[in-house]
Amino acid sequence: MLPDAAIDAIHRVVTDSGRLTQSWFQQTMASGEITDAQYVEIIDVVVTVVSIDSFCRGIGVPLHPLPEPQEGEPSRYRPATAQLQEAWVPMIPVEGATGAEADLWNPTGRVGNVIRALSLIPDAVRQLMDLSNAHYVPRDRLMDFTWSRSLSRAQMELIAGRVSALRGCFY
């Protein structure tokens, strides 16, 4: 059973992201029901599932079944360079993606705060990059505005912007 704080976070992310506020986050952390790392993992899982489900609905195919839970304990790995800066959760600074985290940012060193906000859980960044490579633009092509798939880059950006607006995403 998930803690009430986790369920509330999931509902807010999926149905009403405008209710995600820093004061709500601080109250949630103060409750002790979930940790900052668990919050980041919740965001990672929800974004992944919603993205894949939305894609399936968009192309008219059945949703993928959720995988069976696996036995074991989480690693609880926390990058040594993660620090509380401008986000609600600790994250790896742009220049701090070294060693085991050297693969997190694209080769140009440019990285958005949305990506960095997941970096407390480095595998969450890797998973989001895999998803973005398939659904959007491969990381090494992000700044190549001539690159396209069956849609032009301008069409992809228009759809991405529209979806963000419809979902109330402030980025």
C-alpha atoms as a PDB file:
ATOM      1  CA  MET A   1       0.000   0.000   0.000  1.00  0.00           C
ATOM      2  CA  LEU A   2       1.311   3.428  -0.904  1.00  0.00           C
ATOM      3  CA  PRO A   3       1.456   6.185   1.711  1.00  0.00           C
ATOM      4  CA  ASP A   4      -1.233   8.863   1.430  1.00  0.00           C
ATOM      5  CA  ALA A   5       1.452  11.415   0.480  1.00  0.00           C
ATOM      6  CA  ALA A   6       2.493   9.290  -2.500  1.00  0.00           C
ATOM      7  CA  ILE A   7      -1.109   8.893  -3.662  1.00  0.00           C
ATOM      8  CA  ASP A   8      -1.677  12.642  -3.322  1.00  0.00           C
ATOM      9  CA  ALA A   9       1.469  13.387  -5.341  1.00  0.00           C
ATOM     10  CA  ILE A  10       0.367  11.008  -8.096  1.00  0.00           C
ATOM     11  CA  HIS A  11      -3.107  12.587  -8.262  1.00  0.00           C
ATOM     12  CA  ARG A  12      -1.651  16.086  -8.394  1.00  0.00           C
ATOM     13  CA  VAL A  13       0.813  15.233 -11.162  1.00  0.00           C
ATOM     14  CA  VAL A  14      -1.718  13.363 -13.292  1.00  0.00           C
ATOM     15  CA  THR A  15      -4.872  15.439 -12.822  1.00  0.00           C
ATOM     16  CA  ASP A  16      -3.969  18.870 -11.502  1.00  0.00           C
ATOM     17  CA  SER A  17      -0.303  19.831 -11.732  1.00  0.00           C
ATOM     18  CA  GLY A  18      -1.208  23.397 -10.779  1.00  0.00           C
ATOM     19  CA  ARG A  19      -1.651  22.127  -7.211  1.00  0.00           C
ATOM     20  CA  LEU A  20       2.038  21.181  -7.017  1.00  0.00           C
ATOM     21  CA  THR A  21       3.442  24.036  -4.981  1.00  0.00           C
ATOM     22  CA  GLN A  22       6.602  24.451  -2.990  1.00  0.00           C
ATOM     23  CA  SER A  23       4.633  24.860   0.251  1.00  0.00           C
ATOM     24  CA  TRP A  24       2.720  21.632  -0.482  1.00  0.00           C
ATOM     25  CA  PHE A  25       6.027  19.882  -1.201  1.00  0.00           C
ATOM     26  CA  GLN A  26       7.588  21.150   2.033  1.00  0.00           C
ATOM     27  CA  GLN A  27       4.550  19.998   4.030  1.00  0.00           C
ATOM     28  CA  THR A  28       4.720  16.611   2.332  1.00  0.00           C
ATOM     29  CA  MET A  29       8.403  16.233   3.182  1.00  0.00           C
ATOM     30  CA  ALA A  30       7.766  17.381   6.775  1.00  0.00           C
ATOM     31  CA  SER A  31       5.101  14.681   7.153  1.00  0.00           C
ATOM     32  CA  GLY A  32       7.809  12.040   6.813  1.00  0.00           C
ATOM     33  CA  GLU A  33       5.524   9.794   4.728  1.00  0.00           C
ATOM     34  CA  ILE A  34       7.845   9.937   1.706  1.00  0.00           C
ATOM     35  CA  THR A  35      11.397  11.153   1.139  1.00  0.00           C
ATOM     36  CA  ASP A  36      12.648  13.543  -1.502  1.00  0.00           C
ATOM     37  CA  ALA A  37      14.109  10.574  -3.403  1.00  0.00           C
ATOM     38  CA  GLN A  38      10.778   8.744  -3.271  1.00  0.00           C
ATOM     39  CA  TYR A  39       9.067  11.879  -4.587  1.00  0.00           C
ATOM     40  CA  VAL A  40      11.506  11.980  -7.530  1.00  0.00           C
ATOM     41  CA  GLU A  41      10.831   8.294  -8.231  1.00  0.00           C
ATOM     42  CA  ILE A  42       7.082   8.934  -8.135  1.00  0.00           C
ATOM     43  CA  ILE A  43       7.488  11.711 -10.700  1.00  0.00           C
ATOM     44  CA  ASP A  44       9.645   9.426 -12.862  1.00  0.00           C
ATOM     45  CA  VAL A  45       7.164   6.544 -12.830  1.00  0.00           C
ATOM     46  CA  VAL A  46       4.108   8.754 -13.387  1.00  0.00           C
ATOM     47  CA  VAL A  47       5.701  10.661 -16.283  1.00  0.00           C
ATOM     48  CA  THR A  48       6.794   7.406 -17.910  1.00  0.00           C
ATOM     49  CA  VAL A  49       3.423   5.664 -17.592  1.00  0.00           C
ATOM     50  CA  VAL A  50       1.387   8.713 -18.651  1.00  0.00           C
ATOM     51  CA  SER A  51       3.654   9.294 -21.665  1.00  0.00           C
ATOM     52  CA  ILE A  52       3.456   5.714 -22.867  1.00  0.00           C
ATOM     53  CA  ASP A  53      -0.293   5.430 -22.194  1.00  0.00           C
ATOM     54  CA  SER A  54      -0.986   8.733 -23.959  1.00  0.00           C
ATOM     55  CA  PHE A  55       1.021   7.608 -26.967  1.00  0.00           C
ATOM     56  CA  CYS A  56      -0.878   4.306 -27.120  1.00  0.00           C
ATOM     57  CA  ARG A  57      -4.219   6.122 -26.908  1.00  0.00           C
ATOM     58  CA  GLY A  58      -3.075   8.600 -29.555  1.00  0.00           C
ATOM     59  CA  ILE A  59      -2.275   5.914 -32.099  1.00  0.00           C
ATOM     60  CA  GLY A  60      -5.228   3.728 -31.129  1.00  0.00           C
ATOM     61  CA  VAL A  61      -3.465   0.679 -29.715  1.00  0.00           C
ATOM     62  CA  PRO A  62      -4.127  -1.121 -26.423  1.00  0.00           C
ATOM     63  CA  LEU A  63      -2.297   0.113 -23.347  1.00  0.00           C
ATOM     64  CA  HIS A  64       0.708  -1.914 -22.266  1.00  0.00           C
ATOM     65  CA  PRO A  65       0.153  -3.917 -19.084  1.00  0.00           C
ATOM     66  CA  LEU A  66       2.133  -2.789 -16.087  1.00  0.00           C
ATOM     67  CA  PRO A  67       5.039  -5.091 -15.258  1.00  0.00           C
ATOM     68  CA  GLU A  68       4.816  -7.407 -12.282  1.00  0.00           C
ATOM     69  CA  PRO A  69       6.468  -6.058  -9.129  1.00  0.00           C
ATOM     70  CA  GLN A  70       9.936  -7.454  -8.534  1.00  0.00           C
ATOM     71  CA  GLU A  71      11.404  -8.676  -5.266  1.00  0.00           C
ATOM     72  CA  GLY A  72      14.283  -6.777  -3.763  1.00  0.00           C
ATOM     73  CA  GLU A  73      15.323  -3.602  -2.079  1.00  0.00           C
ATOM     74  CA  PRO A  74      15.985  -0.262  -3.785  1.00  0.00           C
ATOM     75  CA  SER A  75      19.630   0.734  -4.016  1.00  0.00           C
ATOM     76  CA  ARG A  76      18.989   4.023  -2.196  1.00  0.00           C
ATOM     77  CA  TYR A  77      21.935   5.378  -4.155  1.00  0.00           C
ATOM     78  CA  ARG A  78      22.203   9.136  -3.772  1.00  0.00           C
ATOM     79  CA  PRO A  79      24.725  11.005  -5.945  1.00  0.00           C
ATOM     80  CA  ALA A  80      27.377  12.697  -3.813  1.00  0.00           C
ATOM     81  CA  THR A  81      27.191  15.847  -5.941  1.00  0.00           C
ATOM     82  CA  ALA A  82      23.409  16.303  -5.581  1.00  0.00           C
ATOM     83  CA  GLN A  83      22.620  19.504  -3.750  1.00  0.00           C
ATOM     84  CA  LEU A  84      19.641  21.669  -2.996  1.00  0.00           C
ATOM     85  CA  GLN A  85      19.821  24.631  -5.351  1.00  0.00           C
ATOM     86  CA  GLU A  86      16.975  26.204  -7.274  1.00  0.00           C
ATOM     87  CA  ALA A  87      14.669  23.154  -7.291  1.00  0.00           C
ATOM     88  CA  TRP A  88      12.551  21.668  -4.517  1.00  0.00           C
ATOM     89  CA  VAL A  89      14.716  18.556  -4.431  1.00  0.00           C
ATOM     90  CA  PRO A  90      18.490  18.130  -4.447  1.00  0.00           C
ATOM     91  CA  MET A  91      19.863  17.759  -7.951  1.00  0.00           C
ATOM     92  CA  ILE A  92      23.198  17.339  -9.642  1.00  0.00           C
ATOM     93  CA  PRO A  93      24.695  20.647 -10.799  1.00  0.00           C
ATOM     94  CA  VAL A  94      25.469  20.843 -14.512  1.00  0.00           C
ATOM     95  CA  GLU A  95      29.192  20.612 -13.772  1.00  0.00           C
ATOM     96  CA  GLY A  96      28.618  17.838 -11.197  1.00  0.00           C
ATOM     97  CA  ALA A  97      27.638  15.097 -13.647  1.00  0.00           C
ATOM     98  CA  THR A  98      30.909  13.205 -13.355  1.00  0.00           C
ATOM     99  CA  GLY A  99      31.943   9.652 -12.566  1.00  0.00           C
ATOM    100  CA  ALA A 100      28.910   7.343 -12.465  1.00  0.00           C
ATOM    101  CA  GLU A 101      26.716  10.288 -13.553  1.00  0.00           C
ATOM    102  CA  ALA A 102      28.906  11.444 -16.472  1.00  0.00           C
ATOM    103  CA  ASP A 103      26.359  10.137 -19.004  1.00  0.00           C
ATOM    104  CA  LEU A 104      23.402  12.137 -17.666  1.00  0.00           C
ATOM    105  CA  TRP A 105      23.730  15.375 -19.621  1.00  0.00           C
ATOM    106  CA  ASN A 106      24.039  15.628 -23.358  1.00  0.00           C
ATOM    107  CA  PRO A 107      27.561  16.055 -24.777  1.00  0.00           C
ATOM    108  CA  THR A 108      27.170  19.832 -25.101  1.00  0.00           C
ATOM    109  CA  GLY A 109      26.643  20.108 -21.337  1.00  0.00           C
ATOM    110  CA  ARG A 110      23.279  21.772 -21.870  1.00  0.00           C
ATOM    111  CA  VAL A 111      20.556  20.403 -19.692  1.00  0.00           C
ATOM    112  CA  GLY A 112      17.168  21.697 -18.675  1.00  0.00           C
ATOM    113  CA  ASN A 113      16.099  21.976 -15.075  1.00  0.00           C
ATOM    114  CA  VAL A 114      13.237  19.570 -15.749  1.00  0.00           C
ATOM    115  CA  ILE A 115      15.834  16.878 -16.464  1.00  0.00           C
ATOM    116  CA  ARG A 116      18.138  17.952 -13.645  1.00  0.00           C
ATOM    117  CA  ALA A 117      15.250  17.806 -11.166  1.00  0.00           C
ATOM    118  CA  LEU A 118      15.200  14.028 -11.643  1.00  0.00           C
ATOM    119  CA  SER A 119      18.943  13.665 -11.100  1.00  0.00           C
ATOM    120  CA  LEU A 120      18.659  12.741  -7.423  1.00  0.00           C
ATOM    121  CA  ILE A 121      17.765   9.363  -8.980  1.00  0.00           C
ATOM    122  CA  PRO A 122      20.221   9.119 -11.919  1.00  0.00           C
ATOM    123  CA  ASP A 123      18.384   6.154 -13.450  1.00  0.00           C
ATOM    124  CA  ALA A 124      15.275   8.343 -13.648  1.00  0.00           C
ATOM    125  CA  VAL A 125      17.200  10.715 -15.943  1.00  0.00           C
ATOM    126  CA  ARG A 126      18.407   7.786 -18.039  1.00  0.00           C
ATOM    127  CA  GLN A 127      14.871   6.418 -18.321  1.00  0.00           C
ATOM    128  CA  LEU A 128      13.469   9.806 -19.321  1.00  0.00           C
ATOM    129  CA  MET A 129      16.180  10.171 -21.956  1.00  0.00           C
ATOM    130  CA  ASP A 130      15.310   6.745 -23.393  1.00  0.00           C
ATOM    131  CA  LEU A 131      11.650   7.757 -23.513  1.00  0.00           C
ATOM    132  CA  SER A 132      12.450  11.154 -25.048  1.00  0.00           C
ATOM    133  CA  ASN A 133      14.718   9.553 -27.650  1.00  0.00           C
ATOM    134  CA  ALA A 134      11.803   7.375 -28.771  1.00  0.00           C
ATOM    135  CA  HIS A 135       8.907   9.828 -28.428  1.00  0.00           C
ATOM    136  CA  TYR A 136      10.509  13.153 -29.183  1.00  0.00           C
ATOM    137  CA  VAL A 137      14.058  13.949 -30.224  1.00  0.00           C
ATOM    138  CA  PRO A 138      17.218  11.961 -29.517  1.00  0.00           C
ATOM    139  CA  ARG A 139      19.370  13.793 -26.989  1.00  0.00           C
ATOM    140  CA  ASP A 140      22.265  14.243 -29.404  1.00  0.00           C
ATOM    141  CA  ARG A 141      19.877  15.924 -31.891  1.00  0.00           C
ATOM    142  CA  LEU A 142      18.082  18.226 -29.478  1.00  0.00           C
ATOM    143  CA  MET A 143      19.775  21.394 -30.717  1.00  0.00           C
ATOM    144  CA  ASP A 144      19.696  20.327 -34.385  1.00  0.00           C
ATOM    145  CA  PHE A 145      16.539  22.061 -35.553  1.00  0.00           C
ATOM    146  CA  THR A 146      16.876  20.623 -39.051  1.00  0.00           C
ATOM    147  CA  TRP A 147      16.481  17.053 -37.745  1.00  0.00           C
ATOM    148  CA  SER A 148      13.080  15.454 -38.100  1.00  0.00           C
ATOM    149  CA  ARG A 149      11.189  12.211 -38.230  1.00  0.00           C
ATOM    150  CA  SER A 150       7.941  11.922 -40.181  1.00  0.00           C
ATOM    151  CA  LEU A 151       6.920  15.253 -38.650  1.00  0.00           C
ATOM    152  CA  SER A 152       9.061  18.316 -39.156  1.00  0.00           C
ATOM    153  CA  ARG A 153      10.804  19.690 -36.094  1.00  0.00           C
ATOM    154  CA  ALA A 154       8.483  22.704 -36.172  1.00  0.00           C
ATOM    155  CA  GLN A 155       5.453  20.380 -36.141  1.00  0.00           C
ATOM    156  CA  MET A 156       6.915  18.381 -33.241  1.00  0.00           C
ATOM    157  CA  GLU A 157       7.537  21.573 -31.249  1.00  0.00           C
ATOM    158  CA  LEU A 158       4.025  22.829 -31.972  1.00  0.00           C
ATOM    159  CA  ILE A 159       2.522  19.567 -30.699  1.00  0.00           C
ATOM    160  CA  ALA A 160       4.836  19.504 -27.663  1.00  0.00           C
ATOM    161  CA  GLY A 161       3.905  23.092 -26.800  1.00  0.00           C
ATOM    162  CA  ARG A 162       0.199  22.432 -27.233  1.00  0.00           C
ATOM    163  CA  VAL A 163       0.292  19.285 -25.104  1.00  0.00           C
ATOM    164  CA  SER A 164       2.235  21.150 -22.416  1.00  0.00           C
ATOM    165  CA  ALA A 165      -0.331  23.943 -22.427  1.00  0.00           C
ATOM    166  CA  LEU A 166      -3.259  21.527 -22.274  1.00  0.00           C
ATOM    167  CA  ARG A 167      -1.649  19.697 -19.344  1.00  0.00           C
ATOM    168  CA  GLY A 168      -0.944  22.948 -17.509  1.00  0.00           C
ATOM    169  CA  CYS A 169       2.815  22.425 -17.665  1.00  0.00           C
ATOM    170  CA  PHE A 170       4.554  25.671 -16.878  1.00  0.00           C
ATOM    171  CA  TYR A 171       7.660  24.835 -18.913  1.00  0.00           C
END
